[in-house]
Amino acid sequence: MDHRLSNRFLRLAVLFALIGMGLGYWMGATEQFTASPVHAHINLLGWVSMALYGLFYRVQPSAALGWLPQTHFWVALIGLLIFMPALAAKLLGGAGMQAAANLGLMVGPTLTLLSMILFVVIVFRATGSRAALA
């Protein structure tokens, strides 16, 4: 059984959990909570969503086959890697960073939403009545 896609999502999930927890630890230690939305999004989109994607592909390995699941992986990862720094720049950056932050806050969340749309298609294909008969 090929679990490469599941493994990639699960490995990213635990890395994002560590990053999110580290950011939360730093915020608590310094009593600087301006980055709380970044912390929350890293934990939800990075840790929880990536872990759930990985677990789904683990229990439905046939759903990981083909170009669509690979596209899902890259769109989810790239979206998050654009979204989180852009959100941090918007919250923490000076006036000079706002234009780049605003661009990132259009592209990153759009890719993140697109990754969920791809996942919806993948889940429905893998769990539909035709898939149940196979």
N, C-alpha and C. Protein backbone atom coordinates (compact mmCIF):
# COMPACT_ATOMS: atom_id res chain seq x y z
N MET A 1 0.84 -1.17 0.00
CA MET A 1 0.00 0.00 0.00
C MET A 1 0.89 1.25 0.00
N ASP A 2 0.60 2.18 -0.90
CA ASP A 2 1.39 3.40 -1.03
C ASP A 2 0.78 4.50 -0.14
N HIS A 3 1.52 4.92 0.86
CA HIS A 3 1.03 5.95 1.79
C HIS A 3 1.85 7.23 1.69
N ARG A 4 2.50 7.45 0.55
CA ARG A 4 3.37 8.63 0.44
C ARG A 4 2.60 9.94 0.65
N LEU A 5 1.44 10.09 0.02
CA LEU A 5 0.69 11.34 0.17
C LEU A 5 0.21 11.51 1.61
N SER A 6 -0.31 10.45 2.20
CA SER A 6 -0.72 10.49 3.59
C SER A 6 0.45 10.88 4.49
N ASN A 7 1.60 10.27 4.26
CA ASN A 7 2.79 10.58 5.06
C ASN A 7 3.21 12.03 4.93
N ARG A 8 3.16 12.57 3.71
CA ARG A 8 3.54 13.97 3.51
C ARG A 8 2.62 14.90 4.29
N PHE A 9 1.31 14.66 4.20
CA PHE A 9 0.37 15.49 4.95
C PHE A 9 0.58 15.34 6.46
N LEU A 10 0.77 14.12 6.94
CA LEU A 10 0.94 13.91 8.38
C LEU A 10 2.23 14.53 8.90
N ARG A 11 3.30 14.44 8.13
CA ARG A 11 4.57 15.04 8.55
C ARG A 11 4.46 16.56 8.59
N LEU A 12 3.81 17.14 7.57
CA LEU A 12 3.59 18.58 7.61
C LEU A 12 2.72 18.97 8.79
N ALA A 13 1.70 18.17 9.07
CA ALA A 13 0.79 18.48 10.17
C ALA A 13 1.55 18.61 11.49
N VAL A 14 2.42 17.67 11.78
CA VAL A 14 3.12 17.74 13.06
C VAL A 14 4.13 18.88 13.08
N LEU A 15 4.70 19.21 11.92
CA LEU A 15 5.61 20.37 11.87
C LEU A 15 4.83 21.66 12.12
N PHE A 16 3.64 21.78 11.49
CA PHE A 16 2.83 22.97 11.74
C PHE A 16 2.33 23.01 13.18
N ALA A 17 2.04 21.86 13.77
CA ALA A 17 1.66 21.83 15.19
C ALA A 17 2.79 22.38 16.05
N LEU A 18 3.99 21.97 15.76
CA LEU A 18 5.15 22.46 16.51
C LEU A 18 5.34 23.96 16.32
N ILE A 19 5.20 24.43 15.09
CA ILE A 19 5.31 25.87 14.81
C ILE A 19 4.21 26.65 15.53
N GLY A 20 2.98 26.16 15.43
CA GLY A 20 1.86 26.84 16.08
C GLY A 20 2.01 26.88 17.59
N MET A 21 2.42 25.77 18.16
CA MET A 21 2.61 25.72 19.61
C MET A 21 3.79 26.59 20.04
N GLY A 22 4.84 26.56 19.23
CA GLY A 22 5.99 27.42 19.52
C GLY A 22 5.62 28.89 19.50
N LEU A 23 4.82 29.28 18.52
CA LEU A 23 4.35 30.66 18.45
C LEU A 23 3.48 30.99 19.66
N GLY A 24 2.60 30.07 20.03
CA GLY A 24 1.77 30.28 21.21
C GLY A 24 2.59 30.39 22.48
N TYR A 25 3.61 29.57 22.59
CA TYR A 25 4.51 29.62 23.76
C TYR A 25 5.21 30.98 23.82
N TRP A 26 5.72 31.43 22.67
CA TRP A 26 6.40 32.72 22.62
C TRP A 26 5.44 33.86 22.98
N MET A 27 4.23 33.81 22.45
CA MET A 27 3.26 34.87 22.76
C MET A 27 2.96 34.90 24.26
N GLY A 28 2.79 33.73 24.86
CA GLY A 28 2.52 33.68 26.29
C GLY A 28 3.70 34.18 27.12
N ALA A 29 4.90 33.78 26.72
CA ALA A 29 6.10 34.16 27.48
C ALA A 29 6.36 35.67 27.40
N THR A 30 6.06 36.26 26.25
CA THR A 30 6.34 37.69 26.06
C THR A 30 5.12 38.57 26.31
N GLU A 31 3.97 37.94 26.49
CA GLU A 31 2.70 38.65 26.64
C GLU A 31 2.43 39.58 25.46
N GLN A 32 2.85 39.11 24.29
CA GLN A 32 2.60 39.81 23.02
C GLN A 32 1.64 38.95 22.21
N PHE A 33 0.39 39.32 22.15
CA PHE A 33 -0.63 38.47 21.54
C PHE A 33 -1.15 38.98 20.20
N THR A 34 -0.43 39.91 19.60
CA THR A 34 -0.86 40.46 18.32
C THR A 34 -0.94 39.39 17.24
N ALA A 35 -0.09 38.40 17.32
CA ALA A 35 -0.05 37.34 16.29
C ALA A 35 -1.02 36.19 16.60
N SER A 36 -1.96 36.39 17.51
CA SER A 36 -2.91 35.31 17.85
C SER A 36 -3.64 34.75 16.63
N PRO A 37 -4.08 35.58 15.67
CA PRO A 37 -4.73 35.00 14.48
C PRO A 37 -3.79 34.10 13.67
N VAL A 38 -2.52 34.43 13.63
CA VAL A 38 -1.55 33.59 12.92
C VAL A 38 -1.43 32.25 13.63
N HIS A 39 -1.29 32.31 14.94
CA HIS A 39 -1.21 31.11 15.78
C HIS A 39 -2.44 30.22 15.56
N ALA A 40 -3.62 30.82 15.57
CA ALA A 40 -4.86 30.05 15.40
C ALA A 40 -4.93 29.42 14.00
N HIS A 41 -4.57 30.18 12.98
CA HIS A 41 -4.63 29.66 11.62
C HIS A 41 -3.59 28.57 11.36
N ILE A 42 -2.40 28.73 11.93
CA ILE A 42 -1.39 27.68 11.77
C ILE A 42 -1.89 26.39 12.42
N ASN A 43 -2.48 26.51 13.61
CA ASN A 43 -2.99 25.32 14.29
C ASN A 43 -4.16 24.69 13.55
N LEU A 44 -5.07 25.50 13.04
CA LEU A 44 -6.24 24.95 12.37
C LEU A 44 -5.92 24.45 10.96
N LEU A 45 -5.33 25.30 10.14
CA LEU A 45 -5.07 24.93 8.75
C LEU A 45 -3.83 24.05 8.60
N GLY A 46 -2.83 24.32 9.41
CA GLY A 46 -1.59 23.55 9.30
C GLY A 46 -1.65 22.23 10.04
N TRP A 47 -2.04 22.27 11.29
CA TRP A 47 -2.06 21.05 12.11
C TRP A 47 -3.33 20.24 11.86
N VAL A 48 -4.48 20.82 12.11
CA VAL A 48 -5.72 20.04 12.06
C VAL A 48 -6.07 19.63 10.62
N SER A 49 -6.13 20.59 9.72
CA SER A 49 -6.53 20.24 8.34
C SER A 49 -5.54 19.28 7.69
N MET A 50 -4.25 19.57 7.81
CA MET A 50 -3.26 18.68 7.19
C MET A 50 -3.34 17.27 7.80
N ALA A 51 -3.54 17.19 9.12
CA ALA A 51 -3.66 15.88 9.76
C ALA A 51 -4.90 15.14 9.26
N LEU A 52 -6.00 15.84 9.14
CA LEU A 52 -7.22 15.20 8.64
C LEU A 52 -7.06 14.77 7.18
N TYR A 53 -6.42 15.60 6.37
CA TYR A 53 -6.15 15.18 4.98
C TYR A 53 -5.33 13.89 4.99
N GLY A 54 -4.26 13.88 5.78
CA GLY A 54 -3.39 12.71 5.83
C GLY A 54 -4.11 11.47 6.32
N LEU A 55 -4.94 11.63 7.33
CA LEU A 55 -5.69 10.47 7.84
C LEU A 55 -6.71 9.97 6.83
N PHE A 56 -7.36 10.88 6.11
CA PHE A 56 -8.30 10.46 5.08
C PHE A 56 -7.58 9.63 4.01
N TYR A 57 -6.45 10.15 3.53
CA TYR A 57 -5.71 9.42 2.50
C TYR A 57 -5.16 8.09 3.04
N ARG A 58 -4.96 7.99 4.35
CA ARG A 58 -4.49 6.74 4.95
C ARG A 58 -5.60 5.69 4.92
N VAL A 59 -6.83 6.10 5.25
CA VAL A 59 -7.93 5.12 5.29
C VAL A 59 -8.58 4.91 3.92
N GLN A 60 -8.33 5.80 2.99
CA GLN A 60 -8.83 5.67 1.62
C GLN A 60 -7.65 5.79 0.64
N PRO A 61 -6.73 4.84 0.66
CA PRO A 61 -5.51 4.99 -0.15
C PRO A 61 -5.78 5.14 -1.65
N SER A 62 -6.87 4.59 -2.14
CA SER A 62 -7.18 4.76 -3.55
C SER A 62 -7.51 6.21 -3.90
N ALA A 63 -7.94 6.98 -2.91
CA ALA A 63 -8.24 8.40 -3.14
C ALA A 63 -6.98 9.20 -3.37
N ALA A 64 -5.82 8.66 -3.00
CA ALA A 64 -4.55 9.37 -3.16
C ALA A 64 -3.93 9.19 -4.55
N LEU A 65 -4.60 8.44 -5.41
CA LEU A 65 -4.05 8.14 -6.73
C LEU A 65 -4.42 9.22 -7.73
N GLY A 66 -3.50 9.52 -8.62
CA GLY A 66 -3.77 10.45 -9.71
C GLY A 66 -3.27 11.86 -9.44
N TRP A 67 -3.55 12.72 -10.39
CA TRP A 67 -3.04 14.09 -10.33
C TRP A 67 -3.82 14.97 -9.36
N LEU A 68 -5.10 14.71 -9.16
CA LEU A 68 -5.92 15.59 -8.32
C LEU A 68 -5.44 15.61 -6.86
N PRO A 69 -5.19 14.47 -6.23
CA PRO A 69 -4.68 14.51 -4.85
C PRO A 69 -3.29 15.17 -4.75
N GLN A 70 -2.46 14.99 -5.77
CA GLN A 70 -1.15 15.64 -5.75
C GLN A 70 -1.32 17.16 -5.85
N THR A 71 -2.24 17.58 -6.69
CA THR A 71 -2.55 19.01 -6.81
C THR A 71 -3.10 19.53 -5.50
N HIS A 72 -3.95 18.75 -4.86
CA HIS A 72 -4.50 19.13 -3.55
C HIS A 72 -3.37 19.41 -2.56
N PHE A 73 -2.40 18.50 -2.50
CA PHE A 73 -1.28 18.66 -1.58
C PHE A 73 -0.54 19.98 -1.82
N TRP A 74 -0.16 20.22 -3.07
CA TRP A 74 0.65 21.41 -3.36
C TRP A 74 -0.14 22.70 -3.20
N VAL A 75 -1.40 22.70 -3.58
CA VAL A 75 -2.22 23.91 -3.41
C VAL A 75 -2.41 24.20 -1.92
N ALA A 76 -2.66 23.17 -1.11
CA ALA A 76 -2.83 23.35 0.33
C ALA A 76 -1.54 23.90 0.96
N LEU A 77 -0.41 23.31 0.61
CA LEU A 77 0.86 23.73 1.19
C LEU A 77 1.24 25.14 0.76
N ILE A 78 1.18 25.41 -0.53
CA ILE A 78 1.56 26.74 -1.02
C ILE A 78 0.62 27.80 -0.48
N GLY A 79 -0.68 27.49 -0.43
CA GLY A 79 -1.63 28.45 0.12
C GLY A 79 -1.29 28.82 1.55
N LEU A 80 -0.99 27.83 2.36
CA LEU A 80 -0.65 28.09 3.76
C LEU A 80 0.67 28.85 3.89
N LEU A 81 1.64 28.50 3.05
CA LEU A 81 2.95 29.16 3.11
C LEU A 81 2.89 30.61 2.62
N ILE A 82 1.89 30.97 1.88
CA ILE A 82 1.68 32.37 1.49
C ILE A 82 0.81 33.07 2.53
N PHE A 83 -0.25 32.40 2.95
CA PHE A 83 -1.24 32.98 3.86
C PHE A 83 -0.63 33.38 5.20
N MET A 84 0.13 32.50 5.85
CA MET A 84 0.60 32.77 7.20
C MET A 84 1.60 33.93 7.27
N PRO A 85 2.62 33.98 6.41
CA PRO A 85 3.51 35.15 6.46
C PRO A 85 2.78 36.45 6.11
N ALA A 86 1.83 36.37 5.18
CA ALA A 86 1.09 37.57 4.81
C ALA A 86 0.25 38.07 5.98
N LEU A 87 -0.39 37.15 6.69
CA LEU A 87 -1.18 37.53 7.86
C LEU A 87 -0.27 38.11 8.95
N ALA A 88 0.88 37.49 9.15
CA ALA A 88 1.83 38.01 10.14
C ALA A 88 2.31 39.40 9.74
N ALA A 89 2.60 39.60 8.45
CA ALA A 89 3.05 40.91 7.98
C ALA A 89 1.96 41.96 8.16
N LYS A 90 0.72 41.58 7.91
CA LYS A 90 -0.40 42.52 8.08
C LYS A 90 -0.54 42.93 9.54
N LEU A 91 -0.38 41.98 10.45
CA LEU A 91 -0.57 42.26 11.86
C LEU A 91 0.64 42.90 12.53
N LEU A 92 1.83 42.52 12.09
CA LEU A 92 3.05 42.94 12.78
C LEU A 92 3.92 43.91 12.00
N GLY A 93 3.72 43.95 10.69
CA GLY A 93 4.60 44.73 9.84
C GLY A 93 4.25 46.21 9.81
N GLY A 94 5.22 46.96 9.35
CA GLY A 94 5.03 48.40 9.22
C GLY A 94 4.27 48.74 7.95
N ALA A 95 4.14 50.03 7.71
CA ALA A 95 3.39 50.52 6.55
C ALA A 95 3.98 50.02 5.24
N GLY A 96 5.29 49.84 5.19
CA GLY A 96 5.94 49.38 3.97
C GLY A 96 5.61 47.94 3.59
N MET A 97 5.11 47.17 4.52
CA MET A 97 4.80 45.76 4.25
C MET A 97 3.33 45.54 3.89
N GLN A 98 2.51 46.54 4.01
CA GLN A 98 1.07 46.35 3.86
C GLN A 98 0.65 45.96 2.45
N ALA A 99 1.29 46.50 1.42
CA ALA A 99 0.91 46.15 0.05
C ALA A 99 1.19 44.67 -0.23
N ALA A 100 2.38 44.21 0.17
CA ALA A 100 2.72 42.79 -0.02
C ALA A 100 1.83 41.90 0.83
N ALA A 101 1.55 42.35 2.05
CA ALA A 101 0.66 41.58 2.94
C ALA A 101 -0.73 41.46 2.33
N ASN A 102 -1.23 42.55 1.78
CA ASN A 102 -2.56 42.52 1.17
C ASN A 102 -2.61 41.57 -0.02
N LEU A 103 -1.57 41.58 -0.84
CA LEU A 103 -1.50 40.64 -1.97
C LEU A 103 -1.49 39.20 -1.47
N GLY A 104 -0.65 38.94 -0.47
CA GLY A 104 -0.59 37.59 0.11
C GLY A 104 -1.91 37.18 0.73
N LEU A 105 -2.65 38.15 1.27
CA LEU A 105 -3.94 37.84 1.89
C LEU A 105 -5.05 37.67 0.86
N MET A 106 -4.76 37.94 -0.39
CA MET A 106 -5.69 37.57 -1.46
C MET A 106 -5.32 36.20 -2.02
N VAL A 107 -4.04 35.99 -2.27
CA VAL A 107 -3.58 34.75 -2.90
C VAL A 107 -3.63 33.57 -1.93
N GLY A 108 -3.08 33.71 -0.74
CA GLY A 108 -3.00 32.61 0.22
C GLY A 108 -4.35 32.02 0.59
N PRO A 109 -5.29 32.84 1.05
CA PRO A 109 -6.60 32.28 1.39
C PRO A 109 -7.35 31.71 0.18
N THR A 110 -7.12 32.30 -0.99
CA THR A 110 -7.77 31.77 -2.19
C THR A 110 -7.25 30.36 -2.49
N LEU A 111 -5.95 30.17 -2.39
CA LEU A 111 -5.38 28.84 -2.60
C LEU A 111 -5.84 27.87 -1.52
N THR A 112 -5.93 28.35 -0.29
CA THR A 112 -6.39 27.51 0.82
C THR A 112 -7.83 27.06 0.59
N LEU A 113 -8.68 27.97 0.15
CA LEU A 113 -10.06 27.61 -0.17
C LEU A 113 -10.11 26.65 -1.36
N LEU A 114 -9.30 26.92 -2.37
CA LEU A 114 -9.24 26.02 -3.53
C LEU A 114 -8.81 24.62 -3.11
N SER A 115 -7.87 24.53 -2.16
CA SER A 115 -7.43 23.20 -1.70
C SER A 115 -8.58 22.46 -1.03
N MET A 116 -9.42 23.17 -0.30
CA MET A 116 -10.57 22.52 0.34
C MET A 116 -11.59 22.09 -0.71
N ILE A 117 -11.78 22.90 -1.73
CA ILE A 117 -12.68 22.52 -2.82
C ILE A 117 -12.17 21.25 -3.49
N LEU A 118 -10.87 21.18 -3.74
CA LEU A 118 -10.29 19.96 -4.32
C LEU A 118 -10.52 18.77 -3.40
N PHE A 119 -10.34 18.99 -2.11
CA PHE A 119 -10.53 17.90 -1.15
C PHE A 119 -11.99 17.44 -1.13
N VAL A 120 -12.92 18.36 -1.23
CA VAL A 120 -14.34 18.00 -1.29
C VAL A 120 -14.59 17.09 -2.49
N VAL A 121 -14.04 17.45 -3.65
CA VAL A 121 -14.21 16.63 -4.85
C VAL A 121 -13.61 15.25 -4.63
N ILE A 122 -12.41 15.21 -4.05
CA ILE A 122 -11.73 13.93 -3.81
C ILE A 122 -12.53 13.06 -2.84
N VAL A 123 -13.02 13.64 -1.76
CA VAL A 123 -13.80 12.88 -0.78
C VAL A 123 -15.09 12.34 -1.41
N PHE A 124 -15.79 13.19 -2.14
CA PHE A 124 -17.04 12.74 -2.75
C PHE A 124 -16.79 11.66 -3.80
N ARG A 125 -15.70 11.78 -4.56
CA ARG A 125 -15.37 10.73 -5.53
C ARG A 125 -15.05 9.42 -4.83
N ALA A 126 -14.31 9.50 -3.73
CA ALA A 126 -13.85 8.29 -3.03
C ALA A 126 -14.95 7.64 -2.21
N THR A 127 -15.96 8.41 -1.83
CA THR A 127 -16.99 7.85 -0.93
C THR A 127 -18.36 7.79 -1.59
N GLY A 128 -18.44 8.09 -2.86
CA GLY A 128 -19.72 8.05 -3.55
C GLY A 128 -20.21 6.63 -3.76
N SER A 129 -21.41 6.52 -4.25
CA SER A 129 -22.03 5.22 -4.41
C SER A 129 -21.25 4.33 -5.39
N ARG A 130 -20.68 4.92 -6.44
CA ARG A 130 -19.89 4.13 -7.39
C ARG A 130 -18.63 3.59 -6.72
N ALA A 131 -18.00 4.41 -5.85
CA ALA A 131 -16.80 3.95 -5.15
C ALA A 131 -17.13 2.86 -4.15
N ALA A 132 -18.31 2.93 -3.54
CA ALA A 132 -18.73 1.92 -2.57
C ALA A 132 -18.94 0.56 -3.22
N LEU A 133 -19.31 0.56 -4.48
CA LEU A 133 -19.55 -0.69 -5.20
C LEU A 133 -18.24 -1.35 -5.64
N ALA A 134 -17.18 -0.58 -5.73
CA ALA A 134 -15.90 -1.12 -6.24
C ALA A 134 -15.22 -2.01 -5.22
